[in-house]
């Protein structure tokens, strides 16, 4: 029986905050165990702050951590769910999905004006094709420009006058204690979130039953089913991190509602739909929603993207 659990995480402040959040919960459950974070630099962390749009596909922020997990250099890995590939490496599993934090995106503007009140031609920073396309769908008069770096770096670029506003994940801002910077929490009617946004994935080796038994006590069943529906939606579409897709699912009792979209980069072509299904088959619900969007024209949008 182990006396210490090594927890793998990216080196960023947000990733470490998430890892420490998980450790705090585990310590409350098992005070006899000690926990230590092992920060691991990933391929995504090595990208220059100017960005590199040639990097496609999920896994750029998780691969090295998962390799350490498979080698038993760490016992669990803590990821932002939205960074995790829909198909995991052989031998690994998502051992727990804790209760989801705020799933929404947040607008931070220097003028404190909300999205609808930003002046025409205002420069809004985001590195996300998903955010870009929905911003343009809502306000085609905006100039949506690339911005890269961690949360602190992006806030400095905003404060330095390079942008009128930026868009970041609400959950990340909350975990860093930066909620006061938020000008507006964007409704999902305007900005559907990334797959799994706001949720944390705790990954472990399939054969490490002791660790799985421990971390599974942090499981939130409603969050798990919601995220499974969203991930099945993305898997069916064959999407990667440069594809403008979005989805949000919510479980209420025996009912699961999922809202998804596929869009062109410029926001001019957008297919969106909702589905209500039994919460007992979240994967099936996600796949059915994806299929309905494909039949409505999403296939041609994805090919063009």
Protein backbone atom coordinates (compact mmCIF):
# COMPACT_ATOMS: atom_id res chain seq x y z
CA UNK A 1 0.00 0.00 0.00
CA UNK A 2 1.40 3.40 -1.02
CA UNK A 3 2.08 6.13 1.50
CA UNK A 4 2.48 8.85 -1.18
CA UNK A 5 0.64 9.66 -4.39
CA UNK A 6 2.46 11.59 -7.10
CA UNK A 7 0.13 13.82 -9.07
CA UNK A 8 1.10 14.82 -12.60
CA UNK A 9 0.19 18.27 -13.88
CA UNK A 10 1.18 20.84 -16.46
CA UNK A 11 3.44 23.63 -15.21
CA UNK A 12 1.00 26.49 -15.73
CA UNK A 13 -0.49 28.31 -12.78
CA UNK A 14 -4.00 27.22 -13.75
CA UNK A 15 -3.02 23.55 -14.12
CA UNK A 16 -1.28 23.57 -10.74
CA UNK A 17 -4.31 25.22 -9.15
CA UNK A 18 -6.47 22.39 -10.51
CA UNK A 19 -4.05 19.74 -9.27
CA UNK A 20 -3.97 21.30 -5.81
CA UNK A 21 -7.77 21.49 -5.79
CA UNK A 22 -7.91 17.73 -6.39
CA UNK A 23 -5.22 17.08 -3.77
CA UNK A 24 -7.13 19.11 -1.19
CA UNK A 25 -10.23 16.97 -1.77
CA UNK A 26 -8.23 13.74 -1.58
CA UNK A 27 -6.51 14.79 1.66
CA UNK A 28 -9.90 15.33 3.23
CA UNK A 29 -10.83 11.77 2.28
CA UNK A 30 -7.53 10.09 3.15
CA UNK A 31 -5.43 12.06 5.67
CA UNK A 32 -3.09 9.06 6.06
CA UNK A 33 -1.73 9.57 2.53
CA UNK A 34 0.66 12.28 1.39
CA UNK A 35 0.43 13.88 -2.03
CA UNK A 36 3.00 15.68 -4.13
CA UNK A 37 2.59 17.46 -7.46
CA UNK A 38 5.06 16.64 -10.21
CA UNK A 39 4.90 19.38 -12.85
CA UNK A 40 5.58 18.18 -16.38
CA UNK A 41 6.30 20.35 -19.42
CA UNK A 42 4.17 19.32 -22.38
CA UNK A 43 4.50 19.96 -26.10
CA UNK A 44 1.79 22.61 -25.83
CA UNK A 45 3.68 24.40 -23.05
CA UNK A 46 6.74 24.61 -25.30
CA UNK A 47 4.89 26.49 -28.04
CA UNK A 48 5.91 30.14 -28.42
CA UNK A 49 3.47 32.74 -27.13
CA UNK A 50 2.91 33.86 -30.70
CA UNK A 51 1.15 30.52 -31.20
CA UNK A 52 1.57 27.82 -33.81
CA UNK A 53 -1.51 27.04 -35.83
CA UNK A 54 0.25 24.10 -37.48
CA UNK A 55 -0.20 22.13 -34.26
CA UNK A 56 -3.46 20.24 -34.64
CA UNK A 57 -5.31 17.64 -32.66
CA UNK A 58 -5.85 16.99 -29.01
CA UNK A 59 -3.04 15.78 -26.78
CA UNK A 60 -0.53 18.63 -27.06
CA UNK A 61 -1.13 19.45 -23.37
CA UNK A 62 -1.44 15.87 -22.13
CA UNK A 63 0.84 13.45 -24.01
CA UNK A 64 3.94 13.78 -21.85
CA UNK A 65 1.88 13.55 -18.67
CA UNK A 66 0.18 10.40 -19.90
CA UNK A 67 3.54 8.88 -20.79
CA UNK A 68 4.71 9.49 -17.21
CA UNK A 69 1.52 7.87 -15.95
CA UNK A 70 2.06 4.76 -18.05
CA UNK A 71 5.64 4.49 -16.71
CA UNK A 72 4.35 4.74 -13.10
CA UNK A 73 6.39 7.90 -12.56
CA UNK A 74 3.12 9.41 -11.32
CA UNK A 75 -0.01 7.69 -10.02
CA UNK A 76 -2.66 10.13 -11.22
CA UNK A 77 -2.82 12.90 -13.77
CA UNK A 78 -5.03 15.96 -13.44
CA UNK A 79 -6.15 17.58 -16.69
CA UNK A 80 -8.59 20.17 -17.89
CA UNK A 81 -11.19 17.93 -19.52
CA UNK A 82 -11.22 20.10 -22.63
CA UNK A 83 -7.51 19.29 -23.22
CA UNK A 84 -8.03 15.53 -23.10
CA UNK A 85 -8.33 13.55 -26.33
CA UNK A 86 -11.64 11.78 -26.83
CA UNK A 87 -9.74 8.49 -27.24
CA UNK A 88 -7.29 7.76 -24.41
CA UNK A 89 -4.02 5.81 -24.77
CA UNK A 90 -4.31 2.07 -24.15
CA UNK A 91 -3.95 1.28 -20.45
CA UNK A 92 -5.37 4.56 -19.16
CA UNK A 93 -8.83 5.58 -18.01
CA UNK A 94 -10.63 8.58 -16.58
CA UNK A 95 -10.87 7.40 -12.99
CA UNK A 96 -12.96 10.32 -11.76
CA UNK A 97 -14.75 13.42 -12.99
CA UNK A 98 -15.40 15.79 -10.05
CA UNK A 99 -18.25 18.28 -9.95
CA UNK A 100 -18.01 20.70 -12.86
CA UNK A 101 -17.15 24.35 -12.30
CA UNK A 102 -18.67 27.17 -14.36
CA UNK A 103 -18.88 26.00 -17.99
CA UNK A 104 -19.26 29.48 -19.50
CA UNK A 105 -16.80 31.76 -21.26
CA UNK A 106 -16.15 35.21 -19.86
CA UNK A 107 -15.53 38.54 -21.58
CA UNK A 108 -13.02 40.91 -20.00
CA UNK A 109 -12.99 44.38 -21.53
CA UNK A 110 -10.82 47.38 -20.70
CA UNK A 111 -13.78 49.73 -21.01
CA UNK A 112 -15.99 47.46 -18.86
CA UNK A 113 -18.48 47.34 -21.74
CA UNK A 114 -20.34 44.10 -22.41
CA UNK A 115 -20.12 42.29 -25.75
CA UNK A 116 -23.15 43.97 -27.29
CA UNK A 117 -21.88 47.43 -26.28
CA UNK A 118 -18.32 47.13 -27.60
CA UNK A 119 -17.68 49.74 -30.31
CA UNK A 120 -17.70 48.64 -33.94
CA UNK A 121 -14.29 47.39 -35.03
CA UNK A 122 -13.19 46.68 -31.47
CA UNK A 123 -10.28 44.26 -31.22
CA UNK A 124 -11.15 41.10 -29.27
CA UNK A 125 -8.43 38.58 -28.47
CA UNK A 126 -8.79 34.80 -28.52
CA UNK A 127 -6.72 31.89 -29.83
CA UNK A 128 -9.77 29.62 -30.06
CA UNK A 129 -11.48 29.00 -33.42
CA UNK A 130 -14.61 28.10 -31.45
CA UNK A 131 -14.68 31.47 -29.71
CA UNK A 132 -13.73 33.36 -32.84
CA UNK A 133 -16.52 31.96 -34.95
CA UNK A 134 -19.18 32.58 -32.31
CA UNK A 135 -17.94 36.12 -31.65
CA UNK A 136 -18.23 36.87 -35.36
CA UNK A 137 -21.64 35.23 -35.53
CA UNK A 138 -22.80 37.57 -32.74
CA UNK A 139 -20.88 40.67 -33.86
CA UNK A 140 -19.55 40.49 -37.42
CA UNK A 141 -18.22 44.04 -37.05
CA UNK A 142 -15.59 43.03 -34.47
CA UNK A 143 -11.92 42.45 -35.23
CA UNK A 144 -11.15 39.07 -33.67
CA UNK A 145 -7.38 38.73 -33.32
CA UNK A 146 -5.09 35.95 -32.13
CA UNK A 147 -3.78 36.11 -28.57
CA UNK A 148 -1.56 33.50 -26.91
CA UNK A 149 0.07 32.76 -23.59
CA UNK A 150 -1.25 31.78 -20.18
CA UNK A 151 -4.03 33.68 -18.39
CA UNK A 152 -1.69 36.21 -16.76
CA UNK A 153 0.06 36.88 -20.07
CA UNK A 154 -3.22 37.50 -21.85
CA UNK A 155 -4.43 39.84 -19.13
CA UNK A 156 -1.18 41.82 -19.39
CA UNK A 157 -1.64 42.12 -23.16
CA UNK A 158 -5.18 43.38 -22.61
CA UNK A 159 -4.13 45.87 -19.93
CA UNK A 160 -1.29 47.06 -22.17
CA UNK A 161 -3.80 48.25 -24.74
CA UNK A 162 -3.26 45.60 -27.39
CA UNK A 163 -6.92 44.58 -27.29
CA UNK A 164 -10.22 46.13 -26.31
CA UNK A 165 -11.37 42.81 -24.84
CA UNK A 166 -10.41 39.16 -24.48
CA UNK A 167 -12.40 35.97 -23.88
CA UNK A 168 -11.31 33.35 -21.34
CA UNK A 169 -12.90 30.39 -19.57
CA UNK A 170 -14.83 31.39 -16.45
CA UNK A 171 -13.70 28.30 -14.54
CA UNK A 172 -10.02 29.08 -15.06
CA UNK A 173 -10.45 32.65 -13.87
CA UNK A 174 -12.27 31.42 -10.76
CA UNK A 175 -9.57 28.85 -9.95
CA UNK A 176 -6.97 31.61 -10.16
CA UNK A 177 -9.04 33.99 -8.01
CA UNK A 178 -9.58 36.40 -10.89
CA UNK A 179 -13.39 36.50 -11.04
CA UNK A 180 -13.36 40.25 -10.34
CA UNK A 181 -11.76 40.84 -13.74
CA UNK A 182 -14.84 39.50 -15.54
CA UNK A 183 -16.97 42.07 -17.37
CA UNK A 184 -19.60 39.60 -18.59
CA UNK A 185 -20.29 35.90 -18.28
CA UNK A 186 -21.37 34.95 -21.79
CA UNK A 187 -24.62 33.04 -22.14
CA UNK A 188 -24.48 29.71 -23.96
CA UNK A 189 -26.98 31.25 -26.40
CA UNK A 190 -24.12 33.48 -27.53
CA UNK A 191 -21.08 31.33 -26.76
CA UNK A 192 -21.34 27.55 -26.45
CA UNK A 193 -18.32 26.24 -24.50
CA UNK A 194 -15.59 23.83 -25.50
CA UNK A 195 -16.13 20.12 -25.01
CA UNK A 196 -15.76 19.44 -21.28
CA UNK A 197 -15.09 23.09 -20.38
CA UNK A 198 -15.09 23.68 -16.63
CA UNK A 199 -14.63 19.99 -15.83
CA UNK A 200 -11.53 18.25 -14.51
CA UNK A 201 -10.42 14.77 -15.56
CA UNK A 202 -8.47 12.61 -13.10
CA UNK A 203 -6.64 9.98 -15.13
CA UNK A 204 -5.10 6.75 -13.84
CA UNK A 205 -3.78 3.44 -15.14
CA UNK A 206 -6.45 0.81 -15.70
CA UNK A 207 -4.50 -1.78 -13.69
CA UNK A 208 -3.94 0.49 -10.67
CA UNK A 209 -7.11 -0.53 -8.86
CA UNK A 210 -5.97 0.90 -5.52
CA UNK A 211 -5.59 4.39 -6.95
CA UNK A 212 -8.78 4.14 -8.99
CA UNK A 213 -10.70 3.15 -5.86
CA UNK A 214 -9.29 6.19 -4.06
CA UNK A 215 -9.94 8.87 -6.67
CA UNK A 216 -13.31 7.48 -7.75
CA UNK A 217 -14.66 8.87 -4.47
CA UNK A 218 -14.45 12.32 -6.06
CA UNK A 219 -16.76 11.27 -8.90
CA UNK A 220 -19.78 13.42 -9.75
CA UNK A 221 -22.13 11.25 -11.78
CA UNK A 222 -24.06 14.10 -13.41
CA UNK A 223 -20.86 15.78 -14.58
CA UNK A 224 -19.51 12.46 -15.88
CA UNK A 225 -22.61 11.84 -17.99
CA UNK A 226 -22.70 15.40 -19.30
CA UNK A 227 -19.06 15.23 -20.33
CA UNK A 228 -19.50 11.78 -21.89
CA UNK A 229 -22.26 13.18 -24.11
CA UNK A 230 -20.09 16.12 -25.20
CA UNK A 231 -17.07 13.91 -25.88
CA UNK A 232 -19.17 11.46 -27.89
CA UNK A 233 -20.45 14.42 -29.92
CA UNK A 234 -16.88 15.52 -30.72
CA UNK A 235 -15.72 11.96 -31.44
CA UNK A 236 -18.53 11.39 -33.93
CA UNK A 237 -17.62 14.59 -35.76
CA UNK A 238 -13.92 13.64 -35.86
CA UNK A 239 -13.05 17.07 -34.56
CA UNK A 240 -9.64 18.38 -33.50
CA UNK A 241 -8.60 21.46 -31.55
CA UNK A 242 -8.61 23.65 -34.68
CA UNK A 243 -12.19 22.72 -35.57
CA UNK A 244 -14.89 25.26 -34.61
CA UNK A 245 -17.25 22.96 -32.71
CA UNK A 246 -18.88 23.42 -29.32
CA UNK A 247 -21.28 21.56 -27.07
CA UNK A 248 -22.79 21.73 -23.63
CA UNK A 249 -24.77 18.98 -21.94
CA UNK A 250 -26.62 19.12 -18.65
CA UNK A 251 -28.16 16.28 -16.66
CA UNK A 252 -31.26 16.84 -14.56
CA UNK A 253 -32.55 13.62 -13.05
CA UNK A 254 -33.28 11.13 -15.85
CA UNK A 255 -33.09 13.83 -18.51
CA UNK A 256 -30.06 14.97 -20.50
CA UNK A 257 -30.15 18.08 -22.68
CA UNK A 258 -27.28 18.70 -25.07
CA UNK A 259 -26.73 21.71 -27.33
CA UNK A 260 -24.08 21.58 -30.06
CA UNK A 261 -22.78 23.51 -33.03
CA UNK A 262 -20.39 23.34 -35.95
CA UNK A 263 -19.29 26.53 -37.67
CA UNK A 264 -17.03 27.92 -40.33
CA UNK A 265 -14.05 29.96 -39.13
CA UNK A 266 -15.61 33.27 -40.27
CA UNK A 267 -18.90 32.56 -38.49
CA UNK A 268 -20.93 32.89 -41.70
CA UNK A 269 -21.91 29.22 -41.84
CA UNK A 270 -23.17 27.83 -38.55
CA UNK A 271 -25.22 24.73 -37.82
CA UNK A 272 -26.65 24.36 -34.33
CA UNK A 273 -29.14 22.02 -32.74
CA UNK A 274 -30.34 20.64 -29.42
CA UNK A 275 -31.36 17.21 -28.25
CA UNK A 276 -33.14 15.93 -25.16
CA UNK A 277 -32.62 12.29 -24.26
CA UNK A 278 -32.46 9.84 -21.39
CA UNK A 279 -29.46 10.51 -19.16
CA UNK A 280 -28.73 6.78 -18.98
CA UNK A 281 -27.13 6.76 -22.46
CA UNK A 282 -25.10 9.98 -22.70
CA UNK A 283 -22.78 8.67 -25.41
CA UNK A 284 -25.71 7.79 -27.64
CA UNK A 285 -27.21 11.25 -27.12
CA UNK A 286 -23.96 12.95 -28.17
CA UNK A 287 -23.65 10.79 -31.26
CA UNK A 288 -27.26 11.40 -32.29
CA UNK A 289 -26.81 15.16 -31.99
CA UNK A 290 -23.64 15.03 -34.08
CA UNK A 291 -25.41 12.96 -36.74
CA UNK A 292 -28.28 15.44 -36.91
CA UNK A 293 -25.80 18.30 -37.47
CA UNK A 294 -24.00 16.34 -40.18
CA UNK A 295 -27.31 15.87 -41.96
CA UNK A 296 -27.95 19.62 -41.70
CA UNK A 297 -24.73 20.53 -43.49
CA UNK A 298 -22.01 20.26 -40.88
CA UNK A 299 -20.11 17.78 -43.04
CA UNK A 300 -19.27 20.39 -45.70
CA UNK A 301 -18.30 22.91 -43.00
CA UNK A 302 -15.91 20.43 -41.38
CA UNK A 303 -14.33 19.56 -44.72
CA UNK A 304 -13.72 23.24 -45.46
CA UNK A 305 -12.23 23.82 -42.00
